[in-house]
Every structure is written in structure tokens, then in C-alpha cells.
Amino acid sequence: MEQNMADISIQKNHSLDVNTLKERLQKVSAELEKKFGLKTDWSGNSCRLSGTGLKSAEVSFDAATVSIEITLGMLGKALKPTIEKQIHAEFDKVIS
């Protein structure tokens, strides 16, 4: 995904074991599927998300960082500040 096209781009450092981080991110993605009807597609250490309000979204991680790149649809753009705030809060919970 090209960074310059993303409406929301967040990267955070973490100190978790990669398997622990993936388990936690998979739980969050399952919650997003239930709560918002998003579809998730995991491949290795990245997950693509799709659904209403998203043009594209991808979460990826390695041994030191976790990041998300989101391109919002028209509905999502109106809620960008709220979405961005919630992502920061959720990432902080996942990596703590």
C-alpha cells in the first residue's frame, strides 16, 4: 500500500514477542469483524481489512513495530478524527 495515499498512517514501537502480538491483533480483527462487519485477510505478519467506510486498510508488524495504513471511503473521511483516536487507543492496549 502506498503511504502517500493513506488517510491514516500510524506506526508504533512494541516490545512484544511476534507471536503474542499476532494473537492480540487477531483478537482485535475478530472483534472488528463482529462489531463493524469488516472482512479480514491474514497473510503472514499482515492483515488486509475491507468493509463499509474503507477503501483499503492494512495492519502489519515485525519484531519492533506495528503499523496501520488506512484509505477511507467518503463515509469514513467524515469520521477520520474519531477513527484515528480509536486506533491509537486500541494499539496502545494491544502493545502494552
Foldseek 3Di string as FASTA:
>chain_A
DDQVQFPDKDKDWFQDDLVLLVVLVVVVVVVCCVPPVWDWDDDPQKIWIDDPQFPTKMWGDDNTMIMMTTRTDPVVVVCVVVVNVVVVVSVVVSRD
